[in-house]
N, C-alpha and C. Protein backbone atom coordinates (compact mmCIF):
# COMPACT_ATOMS: atom_id res chain seq x y z
N MET A 1 116.39 109.10 81.27
CA MET A 1 114.87 108.40 81.24
C MET A 1 115.09 107.18 82.05
N LYS A 2 114.32 106.84 82.95
CA LYS A 2 114.11 105.71 83.71
C LYS A 2 113.76 104.61 82.67
N ARG A 3 114.48 103.32 83.19
CA ARG A 3 114.25 102.25 82.16
C ARG A 3 112.82 101.69 81.78
N HIS A 4 111.75 101.85 82.94
CA HIS A 4 110.62 101.37 82.49
C HIS A 4 109.77 102.38 81.74
N THR A 5 110.22 103.67 81.60
CA THR A 5 109.39 104.81 81.19
C THR A 5 109.32 104.28 79.43
N ASN A 6 110.22 104.06 78.85
CA ASN A 6 110.12 103.76 77.40
C ASN A 6 109.16 102.52 77.21
N TRP A 7 109.28 101.54 77.90
CA TRP A 7 108.15 100.47 77.81
C TRP A 7 106.78 100.89 78.01
N ALA A 8 106.30 101.66 79.18
CA ALA A 8 105.28 102.08 79.38
C ALA A 8 104.63 103.12 78.46
N ALA A 9 105.58 103.74 77.78
CA ALA A 9 105.14 104.88 76.83
C ALA A 9 104.75 104.20 75.41
N GLN A 10 105.05 102.89 75.25
CA GLN A 10 104.89 101.88 73.98
C GLN A 10 103.51 101.20 74.15
N ILE A 11 103.02 101.03 75.47
CA ILE A 11 101.79 100.19 75.55
C ILE A 11 100.47 101.08 75.29
N ASP A 12 99.79 100.45 74.45
CA ASP A 12 98.46 101.16 74.21
C ASP A 12 97.40 100.91 75.28
N GLU A 13 96.56 102.09 75.61
CA GLU A 13 95.68 101.42 76.62
C GLU A 13 94.68 100.47 76.41
N HIS A 14 94.34 100.29 74.93
CA HIS A 14 93.46 99.40 74.49
C HIS A 14 94.09 97.84 74.71
N VAL A 15 95.39 97.73 74.82
CA VAL A 15 96.15 96.63 74.83
C VAL A 15 96.22 96.04 76.34
N ILE A 16 96.07 96.77 77.31
CA ILE A 16 96.16 96.57 78.66
C ILE A 16 95.28 95.18 79.02
N ASP A 17 94.13 95.28 78.76
CA ASP A 17 93.49 94.07 78.97
C ASP A 17 93.78 92.70 78.39
N LEU A 18 94.30 93.05 77.10
CA LEU A 18 94.77 91.68 76.52
C LEU A 18 96.18 91.45 77.14
N GLU A 19 96.91 92.12 77.58
CA GLU A 19 98.25 91.97 78.43
C GLU A 19 98.08 91.05 79.63
N ILE A 20 96.88 91.71 80.32
CA ILE A 20 96.46 91.28 81.68
C ILE A 20 95.90 89.88 81.30
N GLN A 21 95.34 89.44 80.51
CA GLN A 21 94.79 88.02 80.14
C GLN A 21 95.90 87.19 79.63
N THR A 22 96.93 87.81 78.99
CA THR A 22 98.06 86.96 78.59
C THR A 22 98.88 86.33 79.62
N GLU A 23 99.18 87.40 80.47
CA GLU A 23 99.87 87.04 81.78
C GLU A 23 99.19 86.17 82.63
N GLN A 24 97.76 86.36 82.72
CA GLN A 24 96.93 85.46 83.69
C GLN A 24 97.07 84.05 83.06
N LEU A 25 96.93 83.74 81.78
CA LEU A 25 97.19 82.43 80.96
C LEU A 25 98.35 81.93 81.37
N ARG A 26 99.59 82.69 81.05
CA ARG A 26 100.74 82.17 81.21
C ARG A 26 101.02 81.50 82.69
N GLY A 27 100.64 82.41 83.82
CA GLY A 27 100.69 82.11 85.03
C GLY A 27 99.76 80.80 85.50
N GLN A 28 98.75 80.74 84.66
CA GLN A 28 97.91 79.42 85.01
C GLN A 28 98.47 78.24 84.27
N GLN A 29 98.95 78.57 83.33
CA GLN A 29 99.85 77.19 82.55
C GLN A 29 101.14 76.85 83.13
N LYS A 30 101.83 77.88 83.72
CA LYS A 30 102.97 77.49 84.49
C LYS A 30 102.82 76.96 85.84
N PHE A 31 101.87 77.52 86.57
CA PHE A 31 101.63 77.13 87.93
C PHE A 31 100.45 76.24 88.36
N GLY A 32 99.49 76.31 87.36
CA GLY A 32 98.24 75.60 87.58
C GLY A 32 97.33 76.23 88.58
N ASN A 33 96.27 75.68 89.16
CA ASN A 33 95.51 76.31 90.07
C ASN A 33 96.15 76.80 91.38
N TYR A 34 95.52 77.83 92.10
CA TYR A 34 96.08 77.89 93.31
C TYR A 34 95.60 76.90 94.51
N ASN A 35 96.21 76.66 95.33
CA ASN A 35 95.97 75.49 96.34
C ASN A 35 95.27 76.10 97.45
N SER A 36 94.97 77.20 97.75
CA SER A 36 94.19 77.87 98.67
C SER A 36 93.97 79.37 98.51
N ALA A 37 93.03 79.80 99.38
CA ALA A 37 93.20 81.49 99.12
C ALA A 37 94.27 82.09 100.05
N HIS A 38 94.92 81.29 100.89
CA HIS A 38 96.29 81.98 101.53
C HIS A 38 97.37 81.90 100.32
N GLU A 39 97.48 81.02 99.52
CA GLU A 39 98.35 81.00 98.30
C GLU A 39 98.03 82.22 97.35
N MET A 40 96.80 82.32 97.10
CA MET A 40 96.36 83.50 96.40
C MET A 40 96.88 84.96 96.85
N TYR A 41 96.51 85.01 98.10
CA TYR A 41 96.81 86.42 98.98
C TYR A 41 98.47 86.20 98.85
N ALA A 42 99.31 85.29 99.26
CA ALA A 42 100.70 85.34 99.23
C ALA A 42 101.51 85.73 97.81
N VAL A 43 100.68 85.22 96.71
CA VAL A 43 101.13 85.54 95.47
C VAL A 43 100.83 86.71 94.84
N ILE A 44 99.71 87.44 95.31
CA ILE A 44 99.32 88.89 95.00
C ILE A 44 100.28 89.72 96.00
N GLN A 45 100.35 89.36 97.02
CA GLN A 45 101.30 90.19 98.21
C GLN A 45 102.76 90.33 97.49
N GLU A 46 103.43 89.21 96.93
CA GLU A 46 104.42 89.17 96.34
C GLU A 46 104.63 90.25 95.05
N GLU A 47 103.53 89.94 94.24
CA GLU A 47 103.64 90.92 93.23
C GLU A 47 103.53 92.47 93.50
N VAL A 48 102.71 92.70 94.54
CA VAL A 48 102.72 94.05 95.18
C VAL A 48 104.14 94.48 95.82
N GLU A 49 104.78 93.56 96.29
CA GLU A 49 106.17 94.10 96.81
C GLU A 49 106.91 94.40 95.83
N GLU A 50 106.96 93.42 94.56
CA GLU A 50 107.70 93.89 93.57
C GLU A 50 107.64 95.08 92.89
N PHE A 51 106.45 95.66 92.92
CA PHE A 51 105.93 96.84 92.26
C PHE A 51 106.53 97.95 93.37
N TRP A 52 106.35 97.73 94.51
CA TRP A 52 106.81 98.69 95.65
C TRP A 52 108.19 98.85 95.49
N ASN A 53 108.97 97.82 95.38
CA ASN A 53 110.35 97.84 95.16
C ASN A 53 110.92 98.64 94.01
N SER A 54 110.19 98.76 92.85
CA SER A 54 110.47 99.40 91.65
C SER A 54 110.11 100.87 92.15
N VAL A 55 108.98 101.08 92.75
CA VAL A 55 108.69 102.33 93.32
C VAL A 55 109.87 103.04 94.12
N LYS A 56 110.03 102.11 95.11
CA LYS A 56 111.20 102.69 96.11
C LYS A 56 112.49 103.14 95.16
N ALA A 57 112.69 102.41 94.20
CA ALA A 57 113.89 102.75 93.29
C ALA A 57 113.65 103.76 92.31
N ASN A 58 112.53 104.30 92.61
CA ASN A 58 112.18 105.47 91.74
C ASN A 58 112.02 105.11 90.25
N ASP A 59 111.80 103.98 90.03
CA ASP A 59 111.36 103.67 88.69
C ASP A 59 110.31 102.71 88.55
N PRO A 60 109.17 102.98 88.66
CA PRO A 60 107.93 102.18 88.75
C PRO A 60 107.85 101.51 87.62
N ASP A 61 107.54 99.97 87.58
CA ASP A 61 107.75 99.14 86.60
C ASP A 61 106.32 98.73 86.16
N PRO A 62 105.39 99.17 85.12
CA PRO A 62 104.08 99.19 84.85
C PRO A 62 104.03 97.56 84.53
N ARG A 63 105.05 96.87 84.29
CA ARG A 63 104.69 95.20 84.10
C ARG A 63 104.38 94.64 85.36
N GLU A 64 104.92 95.13 86.44
CA GLU A 64 104.56 94.59 87.65
C GLU A 64 103.21 94.85 88.09
N LEU A 65 102.55 96.03 87.63
CA LEU A 65 101.08 96.24 87.80
C LEU A 65 100.28 95.14 86.83
N LEU A 66 100.58 94.91 85.72
CA LEU A 66 100.02 93.80 84.94
C LEU A 66 100.01 92.64 85.56
N GLN A 67 101.25 92.25 86.39
CA GLN A 67 101.08 91.21 87.22
C GLN A 67 100.39 91.04 88.30
N ILE A 68 100.23 92.04 89.02
CA ILE A 68 99.25 91.97 90.11
C ILE A 68 97.77 91.98 89.61
N CYS A 69 97.46 92.75 88.43
CA CYS A 69 96.22 92.56 87.84
C CYS A 69 95.88 91.28 87.38
N ALA A 70 96.90 90.57 86.80
CA ALA A 70 96.49 89.11 86.14
C ALA A 70 96.63 88.15 87.50
N THR A 71 97.17 88.31 88.42
CA THR A 71 97.26 87.44 89.42
C THR A 71 95.79 87.63 90.36
N ALA A 72 95.57 88.86 90.48
CA ALA A 72 94.23 89.04 91.17
C ALA A 72 92.93 88.63 90.30
N ARG A 73 93.16 88.61 88.88
CA ARG A 73 92.02 88.19 88.10
C ARG A 73 91.99 86.82 88.21
N ARG A 74 93.02 86.22 88.24
CA ARG A 74 93.12 84.70 88.16
C ARG A 74 92.56 84.12 89.42
N ALA A 75 92.94 84.87 90.60
CA ALA A 75 92.38 84.48 91.87
C ALA A 75 90.98 84.47 91.98
N LEU A 76 90.14 85.74 91.33
CA LEU A 76 89.00 85.93 91.43
C LEU A 76 88.38 84.96 90.74
N MET A 77 88.66 84.49 89.42
CA MET A 77 88.21 83.61 88.65
C MET A 77 88.14 82.14 89.22
N GLU A 78 89.18 81.98 89.81
CA GLU A 78 89.10 80.48 90.50
C GLU A 78 88.14 80.59 91.78
N LEU A 79 87.97 81.62 92.54
CA LEU A 79 87.12 81.64 93.61
C LEU A 79 85.52 81.71 93.03
N CYS A 80 85.24 82.38 91.95
CA CYS A 80 84.05 82.08 91.29
C CYS A 80 83.71 80.81 90.90
N GLU A 81 84.70 80.20 90.23
CA GLU A 81 84.48 78.55 89.91
C GLU A 81 84.23 77.90 90.99
N GLN A 82 85.04 78.12 92.32
CA GLN A 82 84.65 77.07 93.26
C GLN A 82 83.32 77.53 94.01
N GLY A 83 83.01 78.76 93.93
CA GLY A 83 81.50 79.17 94.44
C GLY A 83 80.32 78.48 93.53
N ARG A 84 80.55 78.49 92.16
CA ARG A 84 79.67 77.75 91.25
C ARG A 84 79.82 76.30 91.67
N ALA A 85 80.72 75.60 91.67
CA ALA A 85 80.88 74.34 91.96
C ALA A 85 80.36 73.75 93.32
N GLU A 86 80.49 74.70 94.32
CA GLU A 86 79.63 74.47 95.60
C GLU A 86 78.29 74.64 95.38
N ARG A 87 77.67 75.46 94.70
CA ARG A 87 76.32 75.75 94.43
C ARG A 87 75.70 74.67 93.76
N LEU A 88 76.42 74.12 92.71
CA LEU A 88 75.95 72.99 92.05
C LEU A 88 75.79 71.52 93.08
N LYS A 89 76.71 71.49 93.94
CA LYS A 89 76.87 70.48 94.82
C LYS A 89 75.62 70.32 95.81
N GLU A 90 75.33 71.54 96.22
CA GLU A 90 74.09 71.89 97.29
C GLU A 90 72.92 71.43 96.41
N LYS A 91 72.65 71.68 95.03
CA LYS A 91 71.57 71.54 94.36
C LYS A 91 71.33 69.89 94.05
N ALA A 92 72.35 69.19 94.02
CA ALA A 92 72.34 67.89 93.65
C ALA A 92 71.67 66.93 94.66
């Protein structure tokens, strides 16, 4: 059995969103906000590369997919917050 198969078999589909949110919060607490959209892209790309490496090793790691989702969700939320802040400035 591949080493990641056992972990993937244990995760419940209803827990996935919670796992993504937990990973997102962990990243936010550890690294703070992104400095730019370029940094967002680089971090997402790094996570995709880590998943790709597990695929090439014929042992796809679902935890890497959770990290991709969490990183993208965090970036999206920050972009939305920036957009709302810019809109408020325009109205002021």
